[in-house]
């Protein structure tokens, strides 16, 4: 959430951010309400001073044995005015908040201005695309031939965009999860967390998912709980309403969770295979850092996500997202896309984002600055490390042989216990 004082002092910047992110929020109305709020606050403070003065006078009159009835009536009148103004103030503050929660984070000055994903900027390529002496198959054809993914029975059990990983397909998924967690824990220094998969409304709000994305969420209405769209939500909320010791920063967590997304408005897109699912697995990295180090930490986070693909020897490129493709809560974001030759397309497997103080302000996550002694909102970052379905696609399609077999990347062989998923 954006600080009201910041909005007041940087209204043009915030208006531009709303426009560039293609969001809607009435800043002029908010500023008018804010002005009315401040005027009423001044009036309330003046009346409260009058009430205090009258109270002191009443005590003095009573002590002198004189009648204080007229002063009591005056004080009661002032108290009634204060009560009425407090009610009006609460109504104004609710109106302000109802606008404020729809204001997106301001993009970092280095974020490219653009309308949509076509304006994202490629900043890096890694690895050479694999060459084949045969026409590479899409992953769903291999999955059926090898019997490692059951799309039809997944749909029977739950509906479209659900599936079953079967046999060595399930083991490949599990092996990737363990490989990624081990890498982030043992080499990158993250602490593993196994968080709840259902979260409350406050947690969704703090992470910036609500109110904007509520239609995309699976909602358990009786308990007012949401199935998590990403581990970012519960892990970011670990320290909600807490003051973290500065010496403990940065704090780095990694977590495996399933992710649940209704993908409202996305029907008809990527209807085959693993590209778009309502439930999928993901390994996530979340950081809590001091504000002055957050952009350095973002670059480190990006390199940690990249290393997963480098060790798997999968070609990828990195996109710097433009303002029109940037999420509601992010100030800056990089997407990593892996090459899928069977689909002849790049597939996003990671987004690495700096939210600056946006989530921390919503979740009241602070630290005490050792130099100033003041409480400050820290910065939060998160990155996929990585999303599993599209990583599975990339392995299947890049490591396929002409007979439909899939070679196992060397780094996964100790987890799988085999070096090939054979079509024989």
Protein backbone atom coordinates (compact mmCIF):
# COMPACT_ATOMS: atom_id res chain seq x y z
CA UNK A 1 0.00 0.00 0.00
CA UNK A 2 1.21 3.50 -0.77
CA UNK A 3 1.66 5.88 2.17
CA UNK A 4 -0.93 8.67 2.20
CA UNK A 5 1.72 11.31 2.87
CA UNK A 6 3.70 10.05 -0.15
CA UNK A 7 0.57 10.29 -2.32
CA UNK A 8 -0.11 13.80 -1.08
CA UNK A 9 3.45 14.94 -1.86
CA UNK A 10 3.84 12.98 -5.12
CA UNK A 11 0.36 12.95 -6.60
CA UNK A 12 1.49 13.34 -10.22
CA UNK A 13 3.94 10.44 -9.87
CA UNK A 14 1.22 8.22 -8.40
CA UNK A 15 -1.26 9.21 -11.13
CA UNK A 16 1.34 8.33 -13.76
CA UNK A 17 1.98 4.98 -12.08
CA UNK A 18 -1.74 4.18 -12.13
CA UNK A 19 -1.92 5.07 -15.81
CA UNK A 20 1.22 3.15 -16.75
CA UNK A 21 0.04 0.07 -14.86
CA UNK A 22 -3.40 0.35 -16.47
CA UNK A 23 -5.12 0.50 -13.08
CA UNK A 24 -7.95 2.70 -11.85
CA UNK A 25 -7.92 4.83 -8.72
CA UNK A 26 -9.26 8.38 -8.24
CA UNK A 27 -6.36 10.31 -6.73
CA UNK A 28 -8.14 13.66 -6.95
CA UNK A 29 -11.04 12.31 -4.90
CA UNK A 30 -8.63 10.80 -2.40
CA UNK A 31 -6.78 14.11 -2.00
CA UNK A 32 -10.07 15.98 -1.51
CA UNK A 33 -11.11 13.51 1.16
CA UNK A 34 -7.70 13.81 2.77
CA UNK A 35 -8.02 17.59 2.90
CA UNK A 36 -11.47 17.30 4.48
CA UNK A 37 -10.08 14.79 6.98
CA UNK A 38 -7.26 17.09 8.03
CA UNK A 39 -9.63 20.05 8.42
CA UNK A 40 -11.95 18.00 10.64
CA UNK A 41 -8.96 16.76 12.65
CA UNK A 42 -7.97 20.37 13.36
CA UNK A 43 -11.52 21.15 14.45
CA UNK A 44 -11.64 18.07 16.67
CA UNK A 45 -8.33 18.93 18.30
CA UNK A 46 -9.55 22.47 19.00
CA UNK A 47 -12.80 21.18 20.51
CA UNK A 48 -10.92 18.65 22.63
CA UNK A 49 -8.78 21.48 24.00
CA UNK A 50 -11.96 23.42 24.83
CA UNK A 51 -13.37 20.30 26.51
CA UNK A 52 -10.22 19.85 28.59
CA UNK A 53 -10.22 23.50 29.59
CA UNK A 54 -13.90 23.27 30.58
CA UNK A 55 -13.22 20.10 32.56
CA UNK A 56 -10.48 21.85 34.49
CA UNK A 57 -12.77 24.84 35.14
CA UNK A 58 -15.53 22.54 36.40
CA UNK A 59 -13.12 20.89 38.83
CA UNK A 60 -11.99 24.31 40.01
CA UNK A 61 -15.57 25.57 40.54
CA UNK A 62 -16.53 22.44 42.46
CA UNK A 63 -13.45 22.78 44.63
CA UNK A 64 -14.51 26.37 45.42
CA UNK A 65 -18.02 25.16 46.24
CA UNK A 66 -19.54 27.07 43.32
CA UNK A 67 -22.09 25.83 40.78
CA UNK A 68 -20.56 24.33 37.64
CA UNK A 69 -23.82 23.48 35.89
CA UNK A 70 -23.40 25.96 33.03
CA UNK A 71 -19.85 24.73 32.40
CA UNK A 72 -21.01 21.12 32.49
CA UNK A 73 -23.62 21.93 29.83
CA UNK A 74 -20.97 23.62 27.71
CA UNK A 75 -18.69 20.60 28.05
CA UNK A 76 -21.51 18.21 27.15
CA UNK A 77 -22.24 20.25 24.05
CA UNK A 78 -18.58 20.17 23.02
CA UNK A 79 -18.40 16.43 23.75
CA UNK A 80 -21.37 15.88 21.45
CA UNK A 81 -19.66 17.83 18.68
CA UNK A 82 -16.47 15.80 19.15
CA UNK A 83 -18.43 12.54 18.97
CA UNK A 84 -20.18 13.64 15.77
CA UNK A 85 -16.91 14.72 14.17
CA UNK A 86 -15.22 11.46 15.19
CA UNK A 87 -18.01 9.57 13.40
CA UNK A 88 -17.59 11.76 10.31
CA UNK A 89 -13.83 11.27 10.43
CA UNK A 90 -14.23 7.51 10.55
CA UNK A 91 -16.49 7.62 7.50
CA UNK A 92 -13.97 9.77 5.60
CA UNK A 93 -11.07 7.52 6.60
CA UNK A 94 -12.99 4.46 5.35
CA UNK A 95 -13.58 6.21 2.02
CA UNK A 96 -9.89 7.10 1.81
CA UNK A 97 -8.86 3.52 2.54
CA UNK A 98 -11.29 2.15 -0.05
CA UNK A 99 -9.48 4.22 -2.67
CA UNK A 100 -6.00 3.67 -1.24
CA UNK A 101 -6.18 -0.15 -1.40
CA UNK A 102 -6.76 0.03 -5.16
CA UNK A 103 -3.65 2.15 -5.81
CA UNK A 104 -0.86 -0.02 -7.28
CA UNK A 105 2.77 0.14 -6.28
CA UNK A 106 4.79 2.80 -8.09
CA UNK A 107 7.17 1.23 -10.64
CA UNK A 108 10.86 1.76 -10.07
CA UNK A 109 12.37 4.47 -12.27
CA UNK A 110 14.33 1.83 -14.21
CA UNK A 111 11.20 -0.11 -15.20
CA UNK A 112 10.48 0.29 -18.95
CA UNK A 113 7.28 2.11 -19.87
CA UNK A 114 5.03 -0.09 -21.98
CA UNK A 115 1.49 -1.28 -22.61
CA UNK A 116 1.72 -5.07 -22.44
CA UNK A 117 4.02 -8.10 -22.68
CA UNK A 118 5.12 -7.15 -26.19
CA UNK A 119 6.92 -4.15 -24.66
CA UNK A 120 8.97 -6.23 -22.22
CA UNK A 121 12.72 -5.95 -22.76
CA UNK A 122 14.97 -8.97 -23.24
CA UNK A 123 18.11 -8.36 -21.19
CA UNK A 124 19.86 -11.72 -21.30
CA UNK A 125 20.02 -15.07 -23.09
CA UNK A 126 21.69 -18.17 -21.71
CA UNK A 127 22.47 -21.48 -23.42
CA UNK A 128 22.05 -22.69 -26.96
CA UNK A 129 18.78 -24.14 -28.15
CA UNK A 130 19.08 -27.91 -28.61
CA UNK A 131 19.19 -29.13 -32.20
CA UNK A 132 17.30 -32.24 -33.30
CA UNK A 133 17.59 -34.48 -36.34
CA UNK A 134 13.87 -35.17 -35.99
CA UNK A 135 10.76 -33.06 -35.40
CA UNK A 136 10.57 -32.55 -31.62
CA UNK A 137 7.27 -33.62 -30.12
CA UNK A 138 5.16 -31.55 -27.73
CA UNK A 139 5.24 -32.85 -24.17
CA UNK A 140 1.68 -34.16 -24.11
CA UNK A 141 2.42 -36.64 -26.88
CA UNK A 142 5.43 -37.99 -25.00
CA UNK A 143 3.49 -38.02 -21.73
CA UNK A 144 0.83 -40.27 -23.24
CA UNK A 145 3.38 -42.56 -24.91
CA UNK A 146 5.43 -42.92 -21.71
CA UNK A 147 2.43 -43.12 -19.38
CA UNK A 148 3.82 -40.48 -17.00
CA UNK A 149 0.98 -37.90 -17.02
CA UNK A 150 -2.72 -38.73 -17.04
CA UNK A 151 -4.66 -35.75 -18.30
CA UNK A 152 -8.02 -37.48 -18.84
CA UNK A 153 -8.36 -38.93 -15.34
CA UNK A 154 -7.22 -35.67 -13.78
CA UNK A 155 -10.05 -33.95 -15.62
CA UNK A 156 -12.45 -36.70 -14.54
CA UNK A 157 -11.50 -36.23 -10.88
CA UNK A 158 -11.55 -32.43 -10.74
CA UNK A 159 -12.31 -30.87 -14.14
CA UNK A 160 -10.37 -29.17 -16.92
CA UNK A 161 -6.81 -28.00 -16.19
CA UNK A 162 -6.21 -30.65 -13.50
CA UNK A 163 -4.06 -33.76 -14.02
CA UNK A 164 -2.32 -36.74 -12.44
CA UNK A 165 1.42 -37.24 -12.59
CA UNK A 166 1.90 -41.01 -12.75
CA UNK A 167 4.87 -43.27 -11.99
CA UNK A 168 8.12 -41.75 -13.22
CA UNK A 169 6.25 -38.54 -14.03
CA UNK A 170 5.40 -38.14 -10.33
CA UNK A 171 8.97 -39.01 -9.42
CA UNK A 172 10.33 -36.42 -11.87
CA UNK A 173 8.10 -33.77 -10.26
CA UNK A 174 9.22 -34.80 -6.76
CA UNK A 175 12.86 -34.95 -7.80
CA UNK A 176 12.73 -31.42 -9.18
CA UNK A 177 11.17 -30.12 -5.96
CA UNK A 178 13.87 -31.76 -3.83
CA UNK A 179 16.65 -30.59 -6.14
CA UNK A 180 15.43 -26.98 -6.05
CA UNK A 181 14.91 -26.94 -2.28
CA UNK A 182 18.33 -28.47 -1.66
CA UNK A 183 19.99 -25.90 -3.93
CA UNK A 184 18.29 -22.91 -2.27
CA UNK A 185 18.89 -24.23 1.25
CA UNK A 186 22.40 -25.66 0.98
CA UNK A 187 23.99 -23.22 -1.48
CA UNK A 188 21.89 -20.06 -1.43
CA UNK A 189 21.34 -19.93 2.34
CA UNK A 190 17.54 -20.01 2.56
CA UNK A 191 15.61 -21.49 5.47
CA UNK A 192 12.96 -24.00 4.46
CA UNK A 193 9.34 -23.36 5.43
CA UNK A 194 6.34 -25.63 4.98
CA UNK A 195 3.46 -23.14 5.31
CA UNK A 196 -0.34 -23.52 5.37
CA UNK A 197 -2.01 -23.91 1.98
CA UNK A 198 -5.09 -21.99 3.16
CA UNK A 199 -4.78 -18.37 4.32
CA UNK A 200 -7.09 -15.74 5.74
CA UNK A 201 -8.20 -12.51 4.14
CA UNK A 202 -5.65 -10.39 6.02
CA UNK A 203 -2.82 -12.51 4.60
CA UNK A 204 -4.14 -12.17 1.05
CA UNK A 205 -4.46 -8.41 1.50
CA UNK A 206 -0.95 -8.01 2.92
CA UNK A 207 0.58 -9.83 -0.05
CA UNK A 208 -1.28 -7.55 -2.46
CA UNK A 209 -3.61 -10.26 -3.82
CA UNK A 210 -6.78 -8.66 -2.47
CA UNK A 211 -8.94 -6.91 -3.36
CA UNK A 212 -7.78 -6.83 -6.99
CA UNK A 213 -7.35 -10.55 -7.68
CA UNK A 214 -10.16 -12.07 -5.62
CA UNK A 215 -11.95 -13.42 -8.70
CA UNK A 216 -8.84 -15.46 -9.58
CA UNK A 217 -8.77 -17.20 -6.20
CA UNK A 218 -10.35 -20.37 -4.89
CA UNK A 219 -12.34 -19.26 -1.85
CA UNK A 220 -13.64 -21.44 1.01
CA UNK A 221 -16.59 -19.21 1.84
CA UNK A 222 -17.76 -20.73 5.13
CA UNK A 223 -14.39 -20.12 6.79
CA UNK A 224 -13.46 -17.15 4.58
CA UNK A 225 -10.14 -18.80 3.70
CA UNK A 226 -8.34 -18.78 0.35
CA UNK A 227 -6.32 -21.56 -1.28
CA UNK A 228 -2.92 -20.01 -1.88
CA UNK A 229 -2.07 -18.86 -5.43
CA UNK A 230 1.64 -19.02 -4.51
CA UNK A 231 3.79 -19.71 -1.44
CA UNK A 232 4.63 -16.01 -1.52
CA UNK A 233 1.36 -15.31 0.32
CA UNK A 234 1.79 -17.40 3.49
CA UNK A 235 5.56 -16.94 3.64
CA UNK A 236 5.38 -13.13 3.33
CA UNK A 237 2.85 -13.16 6.18
CA UNK A 238 5.12 -15.05 8.57
CA UNK A 239 6.26 -11.70 9.96
CA UNK A 240 3.00 -9.74 9.57
CA UNK A 241 2.49 -7.30 12.46
CA UNK A 242 6.01 -7.89 13.72
CA UNK A 243 9.08 -5.77 14.35
CA UNK A 244 12.15 -7.62 13.07
CA UNK A 245 15.57 -7.01 14.58
CA UNK A 246 17.80 -5.21 12.10
CA UNK A 247 20.65 -7.62 12.82
CA UNK A 248 18.47 -10.49 11.58
CA UNK A 249 18.06 -8.98 8.12
CA UNK A 250 18.07 -10.19 5.45
CA UNK A 251 15.72 -13.08 6.22
CA UNK A 252 15.47 -15.65 3.42
CA UNK A 253 12.82 -18.37 3.20
CA UNK A 254 12.18 -21.04 0.59
CA UNK A 255 9.07 -23.18 0.40
CA UNK A 256 7.48 -25.84 -1.74
CA UNK A 257 3.70 -25.61 -2.07
CA UNK A 258 0.99 -26.45 -4.52
CA UNK A 259 -0.56 -23.32 -6.02
CA UNK A 260 -4.24 -22.87 -6.85
CA UNK A 261 -5.49 -20.39 -9.44
CA UNK A 262 -8.91 -20.11 -11.02
CA UNK A 263 -7.33 -18.21 -13.93
CA UNK A 264 -10.57 -16.24 -14.38
CA UNK A 265 -10.67 -14.79 -17.88
CA UNK A 266 -7.93 -17.13 -19.14
CA UNK A 267 -10.11 -19.89 -20.53
CA UNK A 268 -9.24 -20.79 -24.10
CA UNK A 269 -5.55 -20.04 -23.56
CA UNK A 270 -2.96 -22.83 -23.61
CA UNK A 271 -5.61 -25.53 -23.33
CA UNK A 272 -3.31 -28.48 -23.97
CA UNK A 273 -0.75 -30.06 -21.71
CA UNK A 274 0.93 -28.48 -18.72
CA UNK A 275 1.18 -24.86 -19.79
CA UNK A 276 -1.83 -23.59 -17.83
CA UNK A 277 -3.23 -25.43 -14.81
CA UNK A 278 -5.58 -24.67 -11.91
CA UNK A 279 -3.28 -26.57 -9.53
CA UNK A 280 0.49 -26.77 -9.90
CA UNK A 281 3.61 -27.13 -7.78
CA UNK A 282 6.18 -24.41 -7.22
CA UNK A 283 9.29 -23.73 -5.15
CA UNK A 284 9.38 -20.14 -3.95
CA UNK A 285 12.00 -17.82 -2.50
CA UNK A 286 11.02 -14.88 -0.27
CA UNK A 287 13.30 -12.21 1.19
CA UNK A 288 12.84 -9.59 3.92
CA UNK A 289 15.58 -6.97 3.52
CA UNK A 290 16.64 -3.45 4.46
CA UNK A 291 15.40 -0.84 1.95
CA UNK A 292 18.87 0.30 0.90
CA UNK A 293 19.86 -3.22 -0.18
CA UNK A 294 16.67 -4.38 -1.89
CA UNK A 295 17.75 -3.84 -5.50
CA UNK A 296 21.06 -5.57 -4.92
CA UNK A 297 19.09 -8.41 -3.33
CA UNK A 298 16.80 -8.53 -6.38
CA UNK A 299 19.75 -9.19 -8.67
CA UNK A 300 20.98 -11.93 -6.34
CA UNK A 301 17.50 -13.45 -6.25
CA UNK A 302 17.39 -13.47 -10.05
CA UNK A 303 20.77 -15.22 -10.26
CA UNK A 304 19.58 -17.86 -7.78
CA UNK A 305 16.55 -18.65 -9.93
CA UNK A 306 18.76 -18.71 -13.03
CA UNK A 307 21.10 -21.24 -11.46
CA UNK A 308 18.30 -23.82 -11.37
CA UNK A 309 18.04 -23.68 -15.17
CA UNK A 310 21.79 -23.51 -15.64
CA UNK A 311 22.28 -26.70 -13.62
CA UNK A 312 19.48 -28.36 -15.60
CA UNK A 313 21.23 -27.10 -18.77
CA UNK A 314 18.04 -25.61 -20.17
CA UNK A 315 18.26 -22.55 -22.47
CA UNK A 316 16.43 -19.49 -21.21
CA UNK A 317 16.17 -15.75 -21.54
CA UNK A 318 15.33 -12.96 -19.09
CA UNK A 319 12.77 -10.24 -19.67
CA UNK A 320 12.56 -6.99 -17.76
CA UNK A 321 8.83 -6.36 -17.45
CA UNK A 322 7.37 -3.09 -18.64
CA UNK A 323 4.89 -1.10 -16.56
CA UNK A 324 1.87 -2.48 -18.42
CA UNK A 325 2.86 -6.08 -17.62
CA UNK A 326 4.02 -5.43 -14.07
CA UNK A 327 1.92 -6.86 -11.25
CA UNK A 328 -0.20 -4.65 -9.00
CA UNK A 329 2.20 -4.97 -6.06
CA UNK A 330 5.61 -5.01 -7.77
CA UNK A 331 7.96 -2.05 -8.29
CA UNK A 332 10.27 -4.02 -10.57
CA UNK A 333 10.15 -7.54 -11.98
CA UNK A 334 12.18 -9.91 -14.12
CA UNK A 335 10.63 -12.93 -15.84
CA UNK A 336 12.73 -15.96 -16.74
CA UNK A 337 11.42 -17.91 -19.72
CA UNK A 338 12.72 -21.34 -20.70
CA UNK A 339 12.78 -22.66 -24.29
CA UNK A 340 10.33 -25.46 -25.17
CA UNK A 341 11.20 -26.84 -28.64
CA UNK A 342 8.13 -29.07 -28.94
CA UNK A 343 5.94 -26.02 -28.48
CA UNK A 344 8.42 -23.78 -30.33
CA UNK A 345 7.89 -21.19 -27.64
CA UNK A 346 9.34 -19.54 -24.53
CA UNK A 347 7.58 -20.42 -21.26
CA UNK A 348 7.71 -18.36 -18.06
CA UNK A 349 9.09 -20.40 -15.17
CA UNK A 350 10.01 -17.61 -12.75
CA UNK A 351 9.11 -14.06 -11.83
CA UNK A 352 11.55 -12.23 -9.53
CA UNK A 353 10.01 -9.12 -7.99
CA UNK A 354 10.90 -6.29 -5.64
CA UNK A 355 7.82 -4.96 -3.85
CA UNK A 356 9.82 -2.35 -1.93
CA UNK A 357 7.68 -1.38 1.11
CA UNK A 358 4.31 -2.08 -0.53
CA UNK A 359 3.61 -5.47 1.09
CA UNK A 360 5.37 -4.53 4.32
CA UNK A 361 3.09 -1.50 4.77
CA UNK A 362 0.00 -3.63 4.13
CA UNK A 363 1.26 -6.30 6.52
CA UNK A 364 2.80 -3.90 9.07
CA UNK A 365 6.23 -5.56 8.86
CA UNK A 366 8.88 -3.27 10.30
CA UNK A 367 12.40 -3.05 11.70
CA UNK A 368 14.09 -0.45 13.89
CA UNK A 369 16.79 1.49 12.09
CA UNK A 370 19.90 1.36 14.27
CA UNK A 371 21.13 4.77 13.10
CA UNK A 372 17.90 6.77 13.39
CA UNK A 373 16.27 4.64 16.09
CA UNK A 374 13.01 4.88 14.13
CA UNK A 375 10.74 2.08 13.03
CA UNK A 376 10.73 1.61 9.25
CA UNK A 377 8.94 -0.65 6.82
CA UNK A 378 11.36 -3.15 5.35
CA UNK A 379 11.34 -4.31 1.72
CA UNK A 380 10.03 -7.68 0.53
CA UNK A 381 11.07 -9.66 -2.54
CA UNK A 382 10.03 -12.97 -3.99
CA UNK A 383 11.01 -15.20 -6.88
CA UNK A 384 9.92 -18.53 -8.27
CA UNK A 385 12.69 -21.01 -7.96
CA UNK A 386 11.03 -22.52 -10.07
CA UNK A 387 7.45 -23.23 -11.17
CA UNK A 388 7.28 -26.97 -11.82
CA UNK A 389 4.92 -27.70 -14.74
CA UNK A 390 6.73 -25.61 -17.32
CA UNK A 391 10.10 -26.79 -16.05
CA UNK A 392 8.84 -30.35 -16.61
CA UNK A 393 7.77 -29.31 -20.12
CA UNK A 394 11.25 -27.93 -20.83
CA UNK A 395 12.98 -31.10 -19.60
CA UNK A 396 10.68 -33.38 -21.57
CA UNK A 397 10.94 -31.40 -24.80
CA UNK A 398 14.64 -30.50 -24.65
CA UNK A 399 15.85 -33.92 -23.47
CA UNK A 400 13.69 -36.04 -25.79
CA UNK A 401 15.04 -38.67 -28.15
CA UNK A 402 13.62 -39.74 -31.48
CA UNK A 403 11.93 -42.81 -29.95
CA UNK A 404 10.10 -40.65 -27.40
CA UNK A 405 12.40 -41.44 -24.47
CA UNK A 406 13.44 -38.63 -22.11
CA UNK A 407 17.02 -38.34 -20.87
CA UNK A 408 17.26 -37.19 -17.27
CA UNK A 409 19.42 -34.08 -16.70
CA UNK A 410 22.61 -35.09 -14.93
CA UNK A 411 21.87 -33.01 -11.85
CA UNK A 412 18.57 -34.88 -11.34
CA UNK A 413 19.88 -38.41 -11.79
CA UNK A 414 20.75 -38.92 -8.12
CA UNK A 415 17.18 -37.95 -7.21
CA UNK A 416 15.57 -40.09 -9.90
CA UNK A 417 17.90 -43.08 -9.60
CA UNK A 418 17.81 -43.46 -13.38
CA UNK A 419 19.26 -41.58 -16.34
CA UNK A 420 16.41 -42.10 -18.83
CA UNK A 421 12.64 -42.49 -18.94
CA UNK A 422 12.46 -45.07 -21.64
CA UNK A 423 9.82 -45.50 -24.27
CA UNK A 424 10.67 -49.20 -24.48
